[in-house]
Protein backbone atom coordinates (compact mmCIF):
# COMPACT_ATOMS: atom_id res chain seq x y z
CA MET A 1 0.00 0.00 0.00
CA ASN A 2 1.24 3.46 -0.86
CA PRO A 3 1.08 5.73 2.22
CA GLU A 4 1.21 8.82 0.00
CA VAL A 5 -2.12 8.12 -1.68
CA GLY A 6 -4.68 10.74 -0.69
CA HIS A 7 -2.23 13.55 0.07
CA ALA A 8 -3.10 15.23 -3.22
CA GLU A 9 -6.63 15.60 -1.88
CA ILE A 10 -5.28 17.44 1.18
CA GLU A 11 -3.31 19.81 -1.01
CA LYS A 12 -6.36 20.48 -3.18
CA GLU A 13 -8.54 21.18 -0.14
CA TYR A 14 -5.93 23.58 1.21
CA ALA A 15 -5.60 25.26 -2.20
CA ASP A 16 -9.38 25.67 -2.37
CA LEU A 17 -9.31 27.37 1.04
CA LEU A 18 -6.53 29.67 -0.12
CA ALA A 19 -8.62 30.67 -3.11
CA LYS A 20 -11.68 31.24 -0.95
CA TYR A 21 -10.18 33.02 2.07
CA GLY A 22 -6.81 34.33 0.89
CA GLN A 23 -3.32 33.78 2.25
CA ASP A 24 -3.70 36.28 5.10
CA ALA A 25 -6.63 34.37 6.57
CA LEU A 26 -4.64 31.14 6.60
CA GLU A 27 -1.56 32.55 8.30
CA ARG A 28 -0.97 31.46 11.85
CA CYS A 29 0.00 33.97 14.54
CA GLU A 30 3.21 35.73 13.54
CA GLY A 31 5.60 38.01 15.35
CA CYS A 32 5.94 38.63 19.05
CA VAL A 33 3.35 38.74 21.82
CA ASP A 34 3.10 42.52 21.74
CA GLU A 35 2.21 42.46 18.04
CA VAL A 36 -0.44 39.77 18.32
CA LEU A 37 -2.21 40.68 21.57
CA PRO A 38 -4.03 43.95 22.26
CA GLU A 39 -2.95 46.34 24.96
CA GLY A 40 -4.29 45.34 28.36
CA PHE A 41 -4.69 41.65 27.57
CA GLU A 42 -2.89 40.72 30.81
CA ARG A 43 -5.86 41.70 32.98
CA GLU A 44 -8.35 39.66 30.96
CA PHE A 45 -6.01 36.68 30.96
CA ARG A 46 -5.60 36.84 34.74
CA GLU A 47 -9.36 37.12 35.28
CA ARG A 48 -10.14 34.27 32.89
CA GLN A 49 -7.11 32.18 33.88
CA ILE A 50 -5.76 32.05 30.34
CA LYS A 51 -2.10 31.13 29.99
CA ILE A 52 0.30 31.64 27.06
CA LEU A 53 3.18 29.64 25.64
CA THR A 54 5.34 31.20 22.94
CA ILE A 55 7.46 29.32 20.45
CA TRP A 56 10.51 30.87 22.12
CA ASP A 57 9.68 29.38 25.55
CA SER A 58 11.71 26.36 26.70
CA ASP A 59 8.51 24.49 27.62
CA PHE A 60 6.80 25.05 24.24
CA PRO A 61 5.98 21.55 22.90
CA GLY A 62 8.71 20.71 20.43
CA LYS A 63 6.42 18.45 18.39
CA VAL A 64 4.39 21.49 17.29
CA THR A 65 7.46 23.07 15.70
CA GLU A 66 7.49 20.18 13.22
CA LEU A 67 4.51 21.76 11.45
CA LEU A 68 5.41 23.48 8.20
CA ASN A 69 4.03 26.74 9.59
CA PRO A 70 3.80 26.28 13.38
CA PRO A 71 1.83 28.66 15.57
CA ARG A 72 4.04 31.14 17.42
CA LEU A 73 1.62 31.28 20.34
CA LEU A 74 -0.47 28.68 22.17
CA PHE A 75 -3.18 29.72 24.61
CA PHE A 76 -4.60 27.37 27.19
CA LYS A 77 -6.87 27.04 30.20
CA GLY A 78 -6.32 24.43 32.87
CA GLU A 79 -3.19 22.42 33.53
CA ASP A 80 -0.01 22.58 31.48
CA LEU A 81 -0.06 19.01 30.14
CA LEU A 82 1.82 19.49 26.89
CA LYS A 83 5.14 17.83 27.69
CA ASP A 84 6.60 14.60 29.11
CA ARG A 85 3.53 12.45 28.55
CA ILE A 86 2.29 10.01 25.92
CA PHE A 87 -0.49 11.58 23.86
CA PHE A 88 -3.18 9.51 22.15
CA ALA A 89 -5.33 11.48 19.72
CA VAL A 90 -8.77 9.83 19.64
CA VAL A 91 -11.00 11.21 16.88
CA GLY A 92 -14.02 10.25 14.83
CA THR A 93 -17.34 11.19 13.34
CA ARG A 94 -19.73 13.77 14.77
CA ASN A 95 -22.55 11.27 14.23
CA PRO A 96 -21.35 8.05 15.84
CA THR A 97 -23.21 4.78 16.07
CA THR A 98 -23.90 3.15 19.41
CA ALA A 99 -21.09 0.72 18.63
CA GLY A 100 -18.72 3.60 17.98
CA LYS A 101 -19.54 5.24 21.30
CA LYS A 102 -19.17 1.99 23.25
CA GLY A 103 -15.97 1.18 21.41
CA THR A 104 -14.50 4.58 22.27
CA VAL A 105 -15.16 4.02 25.97
CA LYS A 106 -13.60 0.54 25.83
CA LEU A 107 -10.57 1.98 24.04
CA ILE A 108 -10.08 4.64 26.74
CA GLU A 109 -10.42 2.00 29.46
CA LYS A 110 -7.72 -0.09 27.76
CA ILE A 111 -5.38 2.92 27.51
CA ARG A 112 -5.93 3.49 31.23
CA GLU A 113 -4.93 -0.12 31.94
CA ILE A 114 -1.77 0.26 29.88
CA SER A 115 -0.92 3.54 31.60
CA LEU A 116 -1.14 1.90 35.02
CA SER A 117 0.75 -1.22 33.96
CA ILE A 118 3.80 0.70 32.67
CA ASN A 119 3.53 3.53 35.19
CA LYS A 120 3.55 6.20 32.49
CA GLU A 121 1.04 9.04 32.28
CA MET A 122 -1.05 8.93 29.12
CA VAL A 123 -3.22 11.78 27.91
CA ILE A 124 -6.18 11.66 25.54
CA ILE A 125 -6.29 14.52 23.07
CA SER A 126 -9.24 15.33 20.82
CA GLY A 127 -10.99 18.23 19.11
CA PHE A 128 -14.04 18.76 21.37
CA ALA A 129 -16.44 18.26 18.47
CA ARG A 130 -19.79 16.57 18.91
CA GLY A 131 -19.72 12.80 18.68
CA ILE A 132 -16.61 10.67 19.16
CA ASP A 133 -14.49 13.61 20.38
CA THR A 134 -16.94 14.36 23.17
CA VAL A 135 -17.20 10.69 24.14
CA ALA A 136 -13.40 10.43 24.26
CA HIS A 137 -13.00 13.50 26.49
CA ARG A 138 -15.70 12.37 28.92
CA ALA A 139 -14.50 8.76 29.08
CA SER A 140 -10.96 9.97 29.78
CA LEU A 141 -12.01 12.03 32.77
CA ASP A 142 -14.31 9.26 34.04
CA ASN A 143 -11.32 6.88 33.91
CA LYS A 144 -9.01 9.34 35.69
CA LEU A 145 -6.97 10.09 32.58
CA LYS A 146 -6.06 13.64 31.69
CA THR A 147 -7.52 15.03 28.48
CA VAL A 148 -6.66 17.94 26.19
CA ALA A 149 -9.33 19.63 24.06
CA VAL A 150 -7.87 21.39 21.01
CA ILE A 151 -10.51 23.87 19.89
CA PRO A 152 -10.80 25.78 16.58
CA GLU A 153 -12.33 28.75 18.38
CA ASP A 154 -10.25 31.41 20.09
CA ILE A 155 -9.30 30.79 23.71
CA SER A 156 -11.79 33.33 25.07
CA TRP A 157 -14.67 31.27 23.63
CA GLU A 158 -17.24 30.12 26.18
CA CYS A 159 -19.05 26.88 25.39
CA ASP A 160 -22.80 26.74 25.89
CA GLY A 161 -25.41 24.12 25.14
CA PRO A 162 -25.20 20.41 26.04
CA ARG A 163 -21.37 20.31 26.14
CA LYS A 164 -21.01 23.24 28.55
CA ASP A 165 -20.52 21.14 31.70
CA LEU A 166 -17.96 18.91 29.97
CA TYR A 167 -16.03 21.95 28.75
CA ARG A 168 -15.83 23.35 32.27
CA ARG A 169 -14.82 19.95 33.62
CA ILE A 170 -11.98 19.71 31.10
CA ILE A 171 -10.69 23.11 32.25
CA ARG A 172 -10.81 21.92 35.88
CA GLU A 173 -9.29 18.47 35.32
CA GLY A 174 -7.40 18.78 32.03
CA THR A 175 -6.57 21.40 29.41
CA VAL A 176 -8.30 23.41 26.71
CA ILE A 177 -5.88 24.73 24.08
CA SER A 178 -6.17 27.06 21.10
CA GLU A 179 -3.72 28.83 18.85
CA TRP A 180 -6.06 31.81 18.57
CA TYR A 181 -6.95 34.86 20.61
CA GLY A 182 -9.54 37.18 19.11
CA LYS A 183 -12.54 36.04 17.11
CA ARG A 184 -11.92 34.42 13.71
CA PHE A 185 -14.30 32.72 11.35
CA GLY A 186 -13.86 30.24 8.52
CA SER A 187 -13.69 26.54 7.71
CA TYR A 188 -9.90 26.75 7.59
CA LEU A 189 -9.86 27.02 11.42
CA TYR A 190 -10.98 23.39 11.65
CA ILE A 191 -8.20 22.26 9.33
CA LEU A 192 -5.57 24.14 11.34
CA ARG A 193 -7.09 22.73 14.57
CA ASN A 194 -6.74 19.20 13.20
CA GLU A 195 -3.13 19.83 12.18
CA LEU A 196 -2.26 21.19 15.63
CA LEU A 197 -3.95 18.17 17.24
CA VAL A 198 -1.91 15.78 15.09
CA SER A 199 1.32 17.59 15.87
CA LEU A 200 0.73 17.26 19.63
CA ALA A 201 -0.13 13.55 19.45
CA ASP A 202 2.24 10.59 19.55
CA ILE A 203 -0.36 8.16 18.19
CA ILE A 204 -3.57 8.92 16.28
CA ILE A 205 -6.58 6.62 16.57
CA VAL A 206 -9.60 7.01 14.31
CA VAL A 207 -12.42 5.17 16.05
CA GLU A 208 -15.27 5.66 13.61
CA SER A 209 -15.56 7.68 10.43
CA GLY A 210 -17.32 7.88 7.13
CA ASP A 211 -15.27 7.89 3.93
CA VAL A 212 -15.00 11.70 3.92
CA GLY A 213 -14.79 14.41 6.57
CA GLY A 214 -12.55 15.88 9.22
CA SER A 215 -11.40 12.55 10.65
CA ILE A 216 -10.18 11.43 7.22
CA TYR A 217 -8.26 14.68 6.79
CA THR A 218 -6.77 14.27 10.26
CA ALA A 219 -5.69 10.71 9.43
CA ARG A 220 -4.08 11.71 6.15
CA PHE A 221 -2.25 14.57 7.81
CA ALA A 222 -1.03 12.15 10.51
CA LYS A 223 0.53 9.97 7.81
CA LYS A 224 2.05 13.07 6.23
CA MET A 225 3.71 13.83 9.58
CA LYS A 226 4.76 10.17 9.86
CA LYS A 227 2.71 9.60 13.02
CA PRO A 228 1.44 6.09 13.87
CA LEU A 229 -2.16 5.84 12.64
CA ILE A 230 -4.52 3.22 14.06
CA THR A 231 -8.10 2.40 13.13
CA PHE A 232 -10.59 -0.47 13.22
CA SER A 233 -11.93 -2.55 10.36
CA LYS A 234 -14.01 -5.33 11.91
CA GLY A 235 -14.91 -7.06 15.17
CA PHE A 236 -16.71 -4.92 17.72
CA PHE A 237 -16.49 -1.95 15.33
CA ASP A 238 -17.70 -3.78 12.23
CA GLU A 239 -20.90 -1.80 11.77
CA CYS A 240 -19.04 1.53 11.98
CA ALA A 241 -15.77 0.68 10.23
CA GLU A 242 -16.35 1.99 6.69
CA GLY A 243 -13.94 4.88 7.17
CA GLY A 244 -11.43 2.61 8.90
CA ARG A 245 -11.33 0.20 6.01
CA LYS A 246 -10.77 3.13 3.63
CA LEU A 247 -7.86 4.39 5.73
CA ILE A 248 -6.28 0.93 5.78
CA LYS A 249 -6.65 0.55 2.03
CA ASP A 250 -5.72 4.08 0.93
CA ILE A 251 -2.99 5.24 3.30
CA GLY A 252 -1.81 2.18 5.19
CA ALA A 253 -3.41 2.72 8.59
CA ILE A 254 -2.86 -0.08 11.09
CA SER A 255 -5.95 -2.03 12.13
CA LEU A 256 -6.30 -3.14 15.76
CA LEU A 257 -9.18 -5.45 14.87
């Protein structure tokens, strides 16, 4: 199997976004803190307990600098969990089946068992989208694993609706991270969020996905960054494994089942 198959689709999607939004909209934060952040930001950050890491800081996660155009700033709420741990990215569809939800919980439980058996802290990272992402974040906290939510919104965003309590729990017991401060809009934010998520992760697991969508992009980008990519093609996940079988066939993902 050729692991490069499908990368042309990523480049086309990115090119389409460039044509639609322009280069300026796709640029990550440039320059120094003073150029990016408005005057008086310190007070808001103290009040809202927002923290900053710059690319020049010694504790900035080195894996992020492997991106072709890495963010110069990372903003986060909660604990600083970005170094010296094993990160599993667990992602999937926004519209999971019952099997996909149950399988995600079982997967998190197994990662917890491995973490205890080797005495090494493992962190679950996902994108805080509806569906598999949300299940992964909640199952992590319920199993006493730390979790990191990488959001496409800016760090001052306040979640409402049915995920509000989970969002606040992640801030208390884990980390919410964004590369943005100040409101931005556009589909490209989700692509950049997925790329940042992949860069932070050591292993990427696609639990359930259709044959198109954000999880497929994330998986292809993981292969582009030469990250281990795991999915499921049968067994417990059989009824929700269409996307997994495509990833195995097209880009050489490893199947656990």
